[in-house]
Amino acid sequence: MTLNIDLLKKKIIYRSNYRGTKEMDKLLGSFAKKYIELLSHKDLADLEKLLDIDDTNLYNYYNGLNCDFKFNDNYINLLFKNFDYNNE
């Protein structure tokens, strides 16, 4: 099971750093790097779902703007929403 979690973490780190826009690469890459080792398997699955959302909606959600996407109320989304990128 550890091997699967390690592979999932590597996949998440990669996807966080290679989004397509530099701004989201930096934001999500920093977020994943900070929290990846602290997350449960469920949280990792939720983070993987978060990474499936397009950059525009993620950016808008993070900045408190209107989104075309309904974000679930879960620990990862709350953690991302309150992530202080400026202090990283």
PDB file of N, CA and C in Angstrom:
ATOM      1  N   MET A   1       0.816  -1.202   0.000  1.00  0.00           N
ATOM      2  CA  MET A   1       0.000   0.000   0.000  1.00  0.00           C
ATOM      3  C   MET A   1       0.856   1.260   0.000  1.00  0.00           C
ATOM      4  N   THR A   2       1.990   1.222   0.686  1.00  0.00           N
ATOM      5  CA  THR A   2       2.867   2.383   0.733  1.00  0.00           C
ATOM      6  C   THR A   2       3.340   2.769  -0.661  1.00  0.00           C
ATOM      7  N   LEU A   3       3.635   1.771  -1.493  1.00  0.00           N
ATOM      8  CA  LEU A   3       4.080   2.038  -2.850  1.00  0.00           C
ATOM      9  C   LEU A   3       3.019   2.812  -3.619  1.00  0.00           C
ATOM     10  N   ASN A   4       1.751   2.422  -3.483  1.00  0.00           N
ATOM     11  CA  ASN A   4       0.669   3.121  -4.168  1.00  0.00           C
ATOM     12  C   ASN A   4       0.544   4.560  -3.695  1.00  0.00           C
ATOM     13  N   ILE A   5       0.698   4.797  -2.399  1.00  0.00           N
ATOM     14  CA  ILE A   5       0.619   6.151  -1.857  1.00  0.00           C
ATOM     15  C   ILE A   5       1.799   6.980  -2.351  1.00  0.00           C
ATOM     16  N   ASP A   6       2.976   6.390  -2.380  1.00  0.00           N
ATOM     17  CA  ASP A   6       4.152   7.102  -2.884  1.00  0.00           C
ATOM     18  C   ASP A   6       3.988   7.473  -4.356  1.00  0.00           C
ATOM     19  N   LEU A   7       3.445   6.573  -5.143  1.00  0.00           N
ATOM     20  CA  LEU A   7       3.202   6.869  -6.559  1.00  0.00           C
ATOM     21  C   LEU A   7       2.147   7.960  -6.715  1.00  0.00           C
ATOM     22  N   LEU A   8       1.104   7.911  -5.890  1.00  0.00           N
ATOM     23  CA  LEU A   8       0.066   8.934  -5.921  1.00  0.00           C
ATOM     24  C   LEU A   8       0.656  10.301  -5.564  1.00  0.00           C
ATOM     25  N   LYS A   9       1.508  10.344  -4.556  1.00  0.00           N
ATOM     26  CA  LYS A   9       2.146  11.603  -4.162  1.00  0.00           C
ATOM     27  C   LYS A   9       3.009  12.151  -5.292  1.00  0.00           C
ATOM     28  N   LYS A  10       3.765  11.295  -5.954  1.00  0.00           N
ATOM     29  CA  LYS A  10       4.603  11.729  -7.067  1.00  0.00           C
ATOM     30  C   LYS A  10       3.751  12.277  -8.213  1.00  0.00           C
ATOM     31  N   LYS A  11       2.653  11.595  -8.483  1.00  0.00           N
ATOM     32  CA  LYS A  11       1.738  12.038  -9.539  1.00  0.00           C
ATOM     33  C   LYS A  11       1.156  13.411  -9.199  1.00  0.00           C
ATOM     34  N   ILE A  12       0.754  13.587  -7.946  1.00  0.00           N
ATOM     35  CA  ILE A  12       0.182  14.862  -7.508  1.00  0.00           C
ATOM     36  C   ILE A  12       1.214  15.980  -7.595  1.00  0.00           C
ATOM     37  N   ILE A  13       2.419  15.723  -7.149  1.00  0.00           N
ATOM     38  CA  ILE A  13       3.484  16.736  -7.218  1.00  0.00           C
ATOM     39  C   ILE A  13       3.729  17.143  -8.673  1.00  0.00           C
ATOM     40  N   TYR A  14       3.817  16.159  -9.542  1.00  0.00           N
ATOM     41  CA  TYR A  14       4.035  16.456 -10.967  1.00  0.00           C
ATOM     42  C   TYR A  14       2.893  17.295 -11.523  1.00  0.00           C
ATOM     43  N   ARG A  15       1.674  16.859 -11.307  1.00  0.00           N
ATOM     44  CA  ARG A  15       0.507  17.567 -11.846  1.00  0.00           C
ATOM     45  C   ARG A  15       0.364  18.961 -11.256  1.00  0.00           C
ATOM     46  N   SER A  16       0.806  19.143 -10.024  1.00  0.00           N
ATOM     47  CA  SER A  16       0.737  20.454  -9.376  1.00  0.00           C
ATOM     48  C   SER A  16       1.713  21.442  -9.992  1.00  0.00           C
ATOM     49  N   ASN A  17       2.842  20.948 -10.449  1.00  0.00           N
ATOM     50  CA  ASN A  17       3.890  21.811 -10.981  1.00  0.00           C
ATOM     51  C   ASN A  17       3.827  22.034 -12.487  1.00  0.00           C
ATOM     52  N   TYR A  18       3.012  21.252 -13.179  1.00  0.00           N
ATOM     53  CA  TYR A  18       2.912  21.367 -14.629  1.00  0.00           C
ATOM     54  C   TYR A  18       1.455  21.491 -15.058  1.00  0.00           C
ATOM     55  N   ARG A  19       0.870  22.636 -14.739  1.00  0.00           N
ATOM     56  CA  ARG A  19      -0.533  22.893 -15.001  1.00  0.00           C
ATOM     57  C   ARG A  19      -0.772  23.470 -16.389  1.00  0.00           C
ATOM     58  N   GLY A  20       0.149  24.306 -16.835  1.00  0.00           N
ATOM     59  CA  GLY A  20      -0.045  24.979 -18.116  1.00  0.00           C
ATOM     60  C   GLY A  20       0.101  26.486 -17.992  1.00  0.00           C
ATOM     61  N   THR A  21      -0.179  27.025 -16.813  1.00  0.00           N
ATOM     62  CA  THR A  21       0.070  28.449 -16.580  1.00  0.00           C
ATOM     63  C   THR A  21       1.063  28.578 -15.435  1.00  0.00           C
ATOM     64  N   LYS A  22       1.997  29.499 -15.588  1.00  0.00           N
ATOM     65  CA  LYS A  22       3.041  29.659 -14.573  1.00  0.00           C
ATOM     66  C   LYS A  22       2.465  29.990 -13.205  1.00  0.00           C
ATOM     67  N   GLU A  23       1.441  30.828 -13.187  1.00  0.00           N
ATOM     68  CA  GLU A  23       0.846  31.241 -11.919  1.00  0.00           C
ATOM     69  C   GLU A  23       0.300  30.045 -11.142  1.00  0.00           C
ATOM     70  N   MET A  24      -0.429  29.177 -11.847  1.00  0.00           N
ATOM     71  CA  MET A  24      -1.013  28.013 -11.180  1.00  0.00           C
ATOM     72  C   MET A  24       0.049  26.955 -10.890  1.00  0.00           C
ATOM     73  N   ASP A  25       1.063  26.855 -11.748  1.00  0.00           N
ATOM     74  CA  ASP A  25       2.180  25.946 -11.465  1.00  0.00           C
ATOM     75  C   ASP A  25       2.811  26.311 -10.125  1.00  0.00           C
ATOM     76  N   LYS A  26       3.067  27.596  -9.932  1.00  0.00           N
ATOM     77  CA  LYS A  26       3.714  28.063  -8.701  1.00  0.00           C
ATOM     78  C   LYS A  26       2.796  27.908  -7.494  1.00  0.00           C
ATOM     79  N   LEU A  27       1.541  28.315  -7.640  1.00  0.00           N
ATOM     80  CA  LEU A  27       0.595  28.245  -6.530  1.00  0.00           C
ATOM     81  C   LEU A  27       0.346  26.805  -6.103  1.00  0.00           C
ATOM     82  N   LEU A  28      -0.058  25.962  -7.039  1.00  0.00           N
ATOM     83  CA  LEU A  28      -0.371  24.575  -6.694  1.00  0.00           C
ATOM     84  C   LEU A  28       0.873  23.772  -6.346  1.00  0.00           C
ATOM     85  N   GLY A  29       1.994  24.074  -7.008  1.00  0.00           N
ATOM     86  CA  GLY A  29       3.241  23.402  -6.677  1.00  0.00           C
ATOM     87  C   GLY A  29       3.668  23.690  -5.245  1.00  0.00           C
ATOM     88  N   SER A  30       3.567  24.938  -4.836  1.00  0.00           N
ATOM     89  CA  SER A  30       3.912  25.311  -3.454  1.00  0.00           C
ATOM     90  C   SER A  30       2.948  24.689  -2.455  1.00  0.00           C
ATOM     91  N   PHE A  31       1.683  24.691  -2.795  1.00  0.00           N
ATOM     92  CA  PHE A  31       0.659  24.107  -1.928  1.00  0.00           C
ATOM     93  C   PHE A  31       0.919  22.613  -1.723  1.00  0.00           C
ATOM     94  N   ALA A  32       1.118  21.895  -2.818  1.00  0.00           N
ATOM     95  CA  ALA A  32       1.350  20.452  -2.723  1.00  0.00           C
ATOM     96  C   ALA A  32       2.635  20.153  -1.961  1.00  0.00           C
ATOM     97  N   LYS A  33       3.683  20.887  -2.249  1.00  0.00           N
ATOM     98  CA  LYS A  33       4.962  20.666  -1.577  1.00  0.00           C
ATOM     99  C   LYS A  33       4.842  20.850  -0.064  1.00  0.00           C
ATOM    100  N   LYS A  34       4.081  21.858   0.342  1.00  0.00           N
ATOM    101  CA  LYS A  34       3.936  22.147   1.770  1.00  0.00           C
ATOM    102  C   LYS A  34       3.158  21.055   2.504  1.00  0.00           C
ATOM    103  N   TYR A  35       2.112  20.526   1.887  1.00  0.00           N
ATOM    104  CA  TYR A  35       1.185  19.648   2.604  1.00  0.00           C
ATOM    105  C   TYR A  35       1.240  18.164   2.243  1.00  0.00           C
ATOM    106  N   ILE A  36       1.905  17.792   1.180  1.00  0.00           N
ATOM    107  CA  ILE A  36       1.814  16.424   0.648  1.00  0.00           C
ATOM    108  C   ILE A  36       2.128  15.343   1.678  1.00  0.00           C
ATOM    109  N   GLU A  37       3.110  15.564   2.516  1.00  0.00           N
ATOM    110  CA  GLU A  37       3.506  14.541   3.492  1.00  0.00           C
ATOM    111  C   GLU A  37       2.589  14.493   4.717  1.00  0.00           C
ATOM    112  N   LEU A  38       1.709  15.477   4.849  1.00  0.00           N
ATOM    113  CA  LEU A  38       0.819  15.546   6.008  1.00  0.00           C
ATOM    114  C   LEU A  38      -0.575  14.992   5.716  1.00  0.00           C
ATOM    115  N   LEU A  39      -0.844  14.650   4.475  1.00  0.00           N
ATOM    116  CA  LEU A  39      -2.200  14.293   4.063  1.00  0.00           C
ATOM    117  C   LEU A  39      -2.491  12.802   4.187  1.00  0.00           C
ATOM    118  N   SER A  40      -3.727  12.511   4.553  1.00  0.00           N
ATOM    119  CA  SER A  40      -4.200  11.129   4.602  1.00  0.00           C
ATOM    120  C   SER A  40      -4.485  10.651   3.179  1.00  0.00           C
ATOM    121  N   HIS A  41      -4.770   9.379   3.044  1.00  0.00           N
ATOM    122  CA  HIS A  41      -5.094   8.826   1.727  1.00  0.00           C
ATOM    123  C   HIS A  41      -6.336   9.498   1.156  1.00  0.00           C
ATOM    124  N   LYS A  42      -7.348   9.740   1.981  1.00  0.00           N
ATOM    125  CA  LYS A  42      -8.567  10.433   1.530  1.00  0.00           C
ATOM    126  C   LYS A  42      -8.238  11.847   1.072  1.00  0.00           C
ATOM    127  N   ASP A  43      -7.397  12.539   1.837  1.00  0.00           N
ATOM    128  CA  ASP A  43      -7.009  13.897   1.467  1.00  0.00           C
ATOM    129  C   ASP A  43      -6.245  13.916   0.146  1.00  0.00           C
ATOM    130  N   LEU A  44      -5.392  12.930  -0.059  1.00  0.00           N
ATOM    131  CA  LEU A  44      -4.660  12.835  -1.327  1.00  0.00           C
ATOM    132  C   LEU A  44      -5.631  12.632  -2.491  1.00  0.00           C
ATOM    133  N   ALA A  45      -6.643  11.819  -2.277  1.00  0.00           N
ATOM    134  CA  ALA A  45      -7.659  11.606  -3.316  1.00  0.00           C
ATOM    135  C   ALA A  45      -8.412  12.902  -3.596  1.00  0.00           C
ATOM    136  N   ASP A  46      -8.735  13.652  -2.548  1.00  0.00           N
ATOM    137  CA  ASP A  46      -9.405  14.944  -2.728  1.00  0.00           C
ATOM    138  C   ASP A  46      -8.493  15.943  -3.437  1.00  0.00           C
ATOM    139  N   LEU A  47      -7.215  15.913  -3.127  1.00  0.00           N
ATOM    140  CA  LEU A  47      -6.264  16.800  -3.804  1.00  0.00           C
ATOM    141  C   LEU A  47      -6.163  16.437  -5.287  1.00  0.00           C
ATOM    142  N   GLU A  48      -6.182  15.159  -5.578  1.00  0.00           N
ATOM    143  CA  GLU A  48      -6.152  14.731  -6.979  1.00  0.00           C
ATOM    144  C   GLU A  48      -7.394  15.248  -7.719  1.00  0.00           C
ATOM    145  N   LYS A  49      -8.547  15.229  -7.060  1.00  0.00           N
ATOM    146  CA  LYS A  49      -9.780  15.774  -7.661  1.00  0.00           C
ATOM    147  C   LYS A  49      -9.654  17.278  -7.869  1.00  0.00           C
ATOM    148  N   LEU A  50      -9.044  17.962  -6.910  1.00  0.00           N
ATOM    149  CA  LEU A  50      -8.847  19.404  -7.041  1.00  0.00           C
ATOM    150  C   LEU A  50      -7.999  19.711  -8.278  1.00  0.00           C
ATOM    151  N   LEU A  51      -7.006  18.880  -8.528  1.00  0.00           N
ATOM    152  CA  LEU A  51      -6.133  19.091  -9.681  1.00  0.00           C
ATOM    153  C   LEU A  51      -6.829  18.844 -11.015  1.00  0.00           C
ATOM    154  N   ASP A  52      -7.986  18.198 -10.987  1.00  0.00           N
ATOM    155  CA  ASP A  52      -8.758  17.976 -12.212  1.00  0.00           C
ATOM    156  C   ASP A  52      -9.528  19.225 -12.642  1.00  0.00           C
ATOM    157  N   ILE A  53      -9.626  20.203 -11.756  1.00  0.00           N
ATOM    158  CA  ILE A  53     -10.372  21.431 -12.039  1.00  0.00           C
ATOM    159  C   ILE A  53      -9.490  22.359 -12.871  1.00  0.00           C
ATOM    160  N   ASP A  54     -10.105  23.052 -13.820  1.00  0.00           N
ATOM    161  CA  ASP A  54      -9.339  23.935 -14.705  1.00  0.00           C
ATOM    162  C   ASP A  54      -8.735  25.114 -13.942  1.00  0.00           C
ATOM    163  N   ASP A  55      -7.679  25.674 -14.502  1.00  0.00           N
ATOM    164  CA  ASP A  55      -6.923  26.742 -13.853  1.00  0.00           C
ATOM    165  C   ASP A  55      -7.767  27.981 -13.560  1.00  0.00           C
ATOM    166  N   THR A  56      -8.649  28.345 -14.462  1.00  0.00           N
ATOM    167  CA  THR A  56      -9.458  29.549 -14.255  1.00  0.00           C
ATOM    168  C   THR A  56     -10.334  29.420 -13.021  1.00  0.00           C
ATOM    169  N   ASN A  57     -11.020  28.294 -12.881  1.00  0.00           N
ATOM    170  CA  ASN A  57     -11.875  28.106 -11.706  1.00  0.00           C
ATOM    171  C   ASN A  57     -11.058  27.991 -10.422  1.00  0.00           C
ATOM    172  N   LEU A  58      -9.905  27.325 -10.485  1.00  0.00           N
ATOM    173  CA  LEU A  58      -9.048  27.245  -9.300  1.00  0.00           C
ATOM    174  C   LEU A  58      -8.553  28.627  -8.884  1.00  0.00           C
ATOM    175  N   TYR A  59      -8.124  29.407  -9.864  1.00  0.00           N
ATOM    176  CA  TYR A  59      -7.645  30.766  -9.586  1.00  0.00           C
ATOM    177  C   TYR A  59      -8.758  31.606  -8.966  1.00  0.00           C
ATOM    178  N   ASN A  60      -9.947  31.546  -9.562  1.00  0.00           N
ATOM    179  CA  ASN A  60     -11.083  32.312  -9.046  1.00  0.00           C
ATOM    180  C   ASN A  60     -11.470  31.870  -7.647  1.00  0.00           C
ATOM    181  N   TYR A  61     -11.496  30.581  -7.402  1.00  0.00           N
ATOM    182  CA  TYR A  61     -11.828  30.053  -6.078  1.00  0.00           C
ATOM    183  C   TYR A  61     -10.810  30.517  -5.042  1.00  0.00           C
ATOM    184  N   TYR A  62      -9.552  30.411  -5.370  1.00  0.00           N
ATOM    185  CA  TYR A  62      -8.482  30.814  -4.453  1.00  0.00           C
ATOM    186  C   TYR A  62      -8.579  32.305  -4.118  1.00  0.00           C
ATOM    187  N   ASN A  63      -8.964  33.110  -5.095  1.00  0.00           N
ATOM    188  CA  ASN A  63      -9.025  34.555  -4.910  1.00  0.00           C
ATOM    189  C   ASN A  63     -10.408  35.074  -4.513  1.00  0.00           C
ATOM    190  N   GLY A  64     -11.336  34.159  -4.247  1.00  0.00           N
ATOM    191  CA  GLY A  64     -12.663  34.560  -3.791  1.00  0.00           C
ATOM    192  C   GLY A  64     -13.541  35.167  -4.869  1.00  0.00           C
ATOM    193  N   LEU A  65     -13.275  34.838  -6.115  1.00  0.00           N
ATOM    194  CA  LEU A  65     -14.067  35.336  -7.235  1.00  0.00           C
ATOM    195  C   LEU A  65     -15.124  34.311  -7.630  1.00  0.00           C
ATOM    196  N   ASN A  66     -16.047  34.708  -8.491  1.00  0.00           N
ATOM    197  CA  ASN A  66     -17.078  33.790  -8.967  1.00  0.00           C
ATOM    198  C   ASN A  66     -16.469  32.661  -9.781  1.00  0.00           C
ATOM    199  N   CYS A  67     -17.022  31.463  -9.581  1.00  0.00           N
ATOM    200  CA  CYS A  67     -16.538  30.262 -10.276  1.00  0.00           C
ATOM    201  C   CYS A  67     -17.677  29.631 -11.061  1.00  0.00           C
ATOM    202  N   ASP A  68     -17.306  28.945 -12.124  1.00  0.00           N
ATOM    203  CA  ASP A  68     -18.270  28.164 -12.903  1.00  0.00           C
ATOM    204  C   ASP A  68     -18.368  26.744 -12.371  1.00  0.00           C
ATOM    205  N   PHE A  69     -17.689  26.471 -11.289  1.00  0.00           N
ATOM    206  CA  PHE A  69     -17.575  25.127 -10.740  1.00  0.00           C
ATOM    207  C   PHE A  69     -17.992  25.148  -9.279  1.00  0.00           C
ATOM    208  N   LYS A  70     -18.712  24.128  -8.838  1.00  0.00           N
ATOM    209  CA  LYS A  70     -19.123  24.002  -7.445  1.00  0.00           C
ATOM    210  C   LYS A  70     -18.057  23.211  -6.694  1.00  0.00           C
ATOM    211  N   PHE A  71     -17.374  23.865  -5.781  1.00  0.00           N
ATOM    212  CA  PHE A  71     -16.343  23.218  -4.981  1.00  0.00           C
ATOM    213  C   PHE A  71     -16.971  22.534  -3.773  1.00  0.00           C
ATOM    214  N   ASN A  72     -16.566  21.305  -3.522  1.00  0.00           N
ATOM    215  CA  ASN A  72     -17.056  20.560  -2.369  1.00  0.00           C
ATOM    216  C   ASN A  72     -16.479  21.142  -1.089  1.00  0.00           C
ATOM    217  N   ASP A  73     -17.210  20.965  -0.001  1.00  0.00           N
ATOM    218  CA  ASP A  73     -16.704  21.358   1.310  1.00  0.00           C
ATOM    219  C   ASP A  73     -15.901  20.194   1.863  1.00  0.00           C
ATOM    220  N   ASN A  74     -14.582  20.271   1.720  1.00  0.00           N
ATOM    221  CA  ASN A  74     -13.721  19.253   2.294  1.00  0.00           C
ATOM    222  C   ASN A  74     -12.433  19.904   2.784  1.00  0.00           C
ATOM    223  N   TYR A  75     -11.647  19.147   3.493  1.00  0.00           N
ATOM    224  CA  TYR A  75     -10.434  19.661   4.118  1.00  0.00           C
ATOM    225  C   TYR A  75      -9.460  20.237   3.091  1.00  0.00           C
ATOM    226  N   ILE A  76      -9.261  19.561   1.981  1.00  0.00           N
ATOM    227  CA  ILE A  76      -8.302  20.004   0.970  1.00  0.00           C
ATOM    228  C   ILE A  76      -8.729  21.324   0.346  1.00  0.00           C
ATOM    229  N   ASN A  77      -9.985  21.438  -0.027  1.00  0.00           N
ATOM    230  CA  ASN A  77     -10.454  22.684  -0.632  1.00  0.00           C
ATOM    231  C   ASN A  77     -10.344  23.849   0.347  1.00  0.00           C
ATOM    232  N   LEU A  78     -10.673  23.602   1.603  1.00  0.00           N
ATOM    233  CA  LEU A  78     -10.538  24.639   2.629  1.00  0.00           C
ATOM    234  C   LEU A  78      -9.067  25.013   2.825  1.00  0.00           C
ATOM    235  N   LEU A  79      -8.210  24.014   2.868  1.00  0.00           N
ATOM    236  CA  LEU A  79      -6.771  24.248   3.029  1.00  0.00           C
ATOM    237  C   LEU A  79      -6.228  25.058   1.849  1.00  0.00           C
ATOM    238  N   PHE A  80      -6.640  24.703   0.646  1.00  0.00           N
ATOM    239  CA  PHE A  80      -6.202  25.436  -0.543  1.00  0.00           C
ATOM    240  C   PHE A  80      -6.725  26.866  -0.529  1.00  0.00           C
ATOM    241  N   LYS A  81      -7.983  27.025  -0.209  1.00  0.00           N
ATOM    242  CA  LYS A  81      -8.613  28.350  -0.192  1.00  0.00           C
ATOM    243  C   LYS A  81      -7.887  29.281   0.783  1.00  0.00           C
ATOM    244  N   ASN A  82      -7.389  28.746   1.895  1.00  0.00           N
ATOM    245  CA  ASN A  82      -6.746  29.553   2.922  1.00  0.00           C
ATOM    246  C   ASN A  82      -5.213  29.502   2.867  1.00  0.00           C
ATOM    247  N   PHE A  83      -4.675  28.886   1.830  1.00  0.00           N
ATOM    248  CA  PHE A  83      -3.225  28.786   1.663  1.00  0.00           C
ATOM    249  C   PHE A  83      -2.636  30.175   1.418  1.00  0.00           C
ATOM    250  N   ASP A  84      -1.593  30.523   2.170  1.00  0.00           N
ATOM    251  CA  ASP A  84      -0.956  31.818   2.025  1.00  0.00           C
ATOM    252  C   ASP A  84       0.288  31.673   1.150  1.00  0.00           C
ATOM    253  N   TYR A  85       0.091  31.821  -0.144  1.00  0.00           N
ATOM    254  CA  TYR A  85       1.171  31.651  -1.105  1.00  0.00           C
ATOM    255  C   TYR A  85       2.266  32.708  -0.925  1.00  0.00           C
ATOM    256  N   ASN A  86       1.898  33.894  -0.517  1.00  0.00           N
ATOM    257  CA  ASN A  86       2.861  34.990  -0.391  1.00  0.00           C
ATOM    258  C   ASN A  86       3.942  34.723   0.650  1.00  0.00           C
ATOM    259  N   ASN A  87       3.653  33.853   1.605  1.00  0.00           N
ATOM    260  CA  ASN A  87       4.626  33.562   2.659  1.00  0.00           C
ATOM    261  C   ASN A  87       5.450  32.310   2.375  1.00  0.00           C
ATOM    262  N   GLU A  88       5.310  31.755   1.201  1.00  0.00           N
ATOM    263  CA  GLU A  88       6.060  30.536   0.848  1.00  0.00           C
ATOM    264  C   GLU A  88       7.397  30.882   0.264  1.00  0.00           C
TER     265      GLU A  88
END
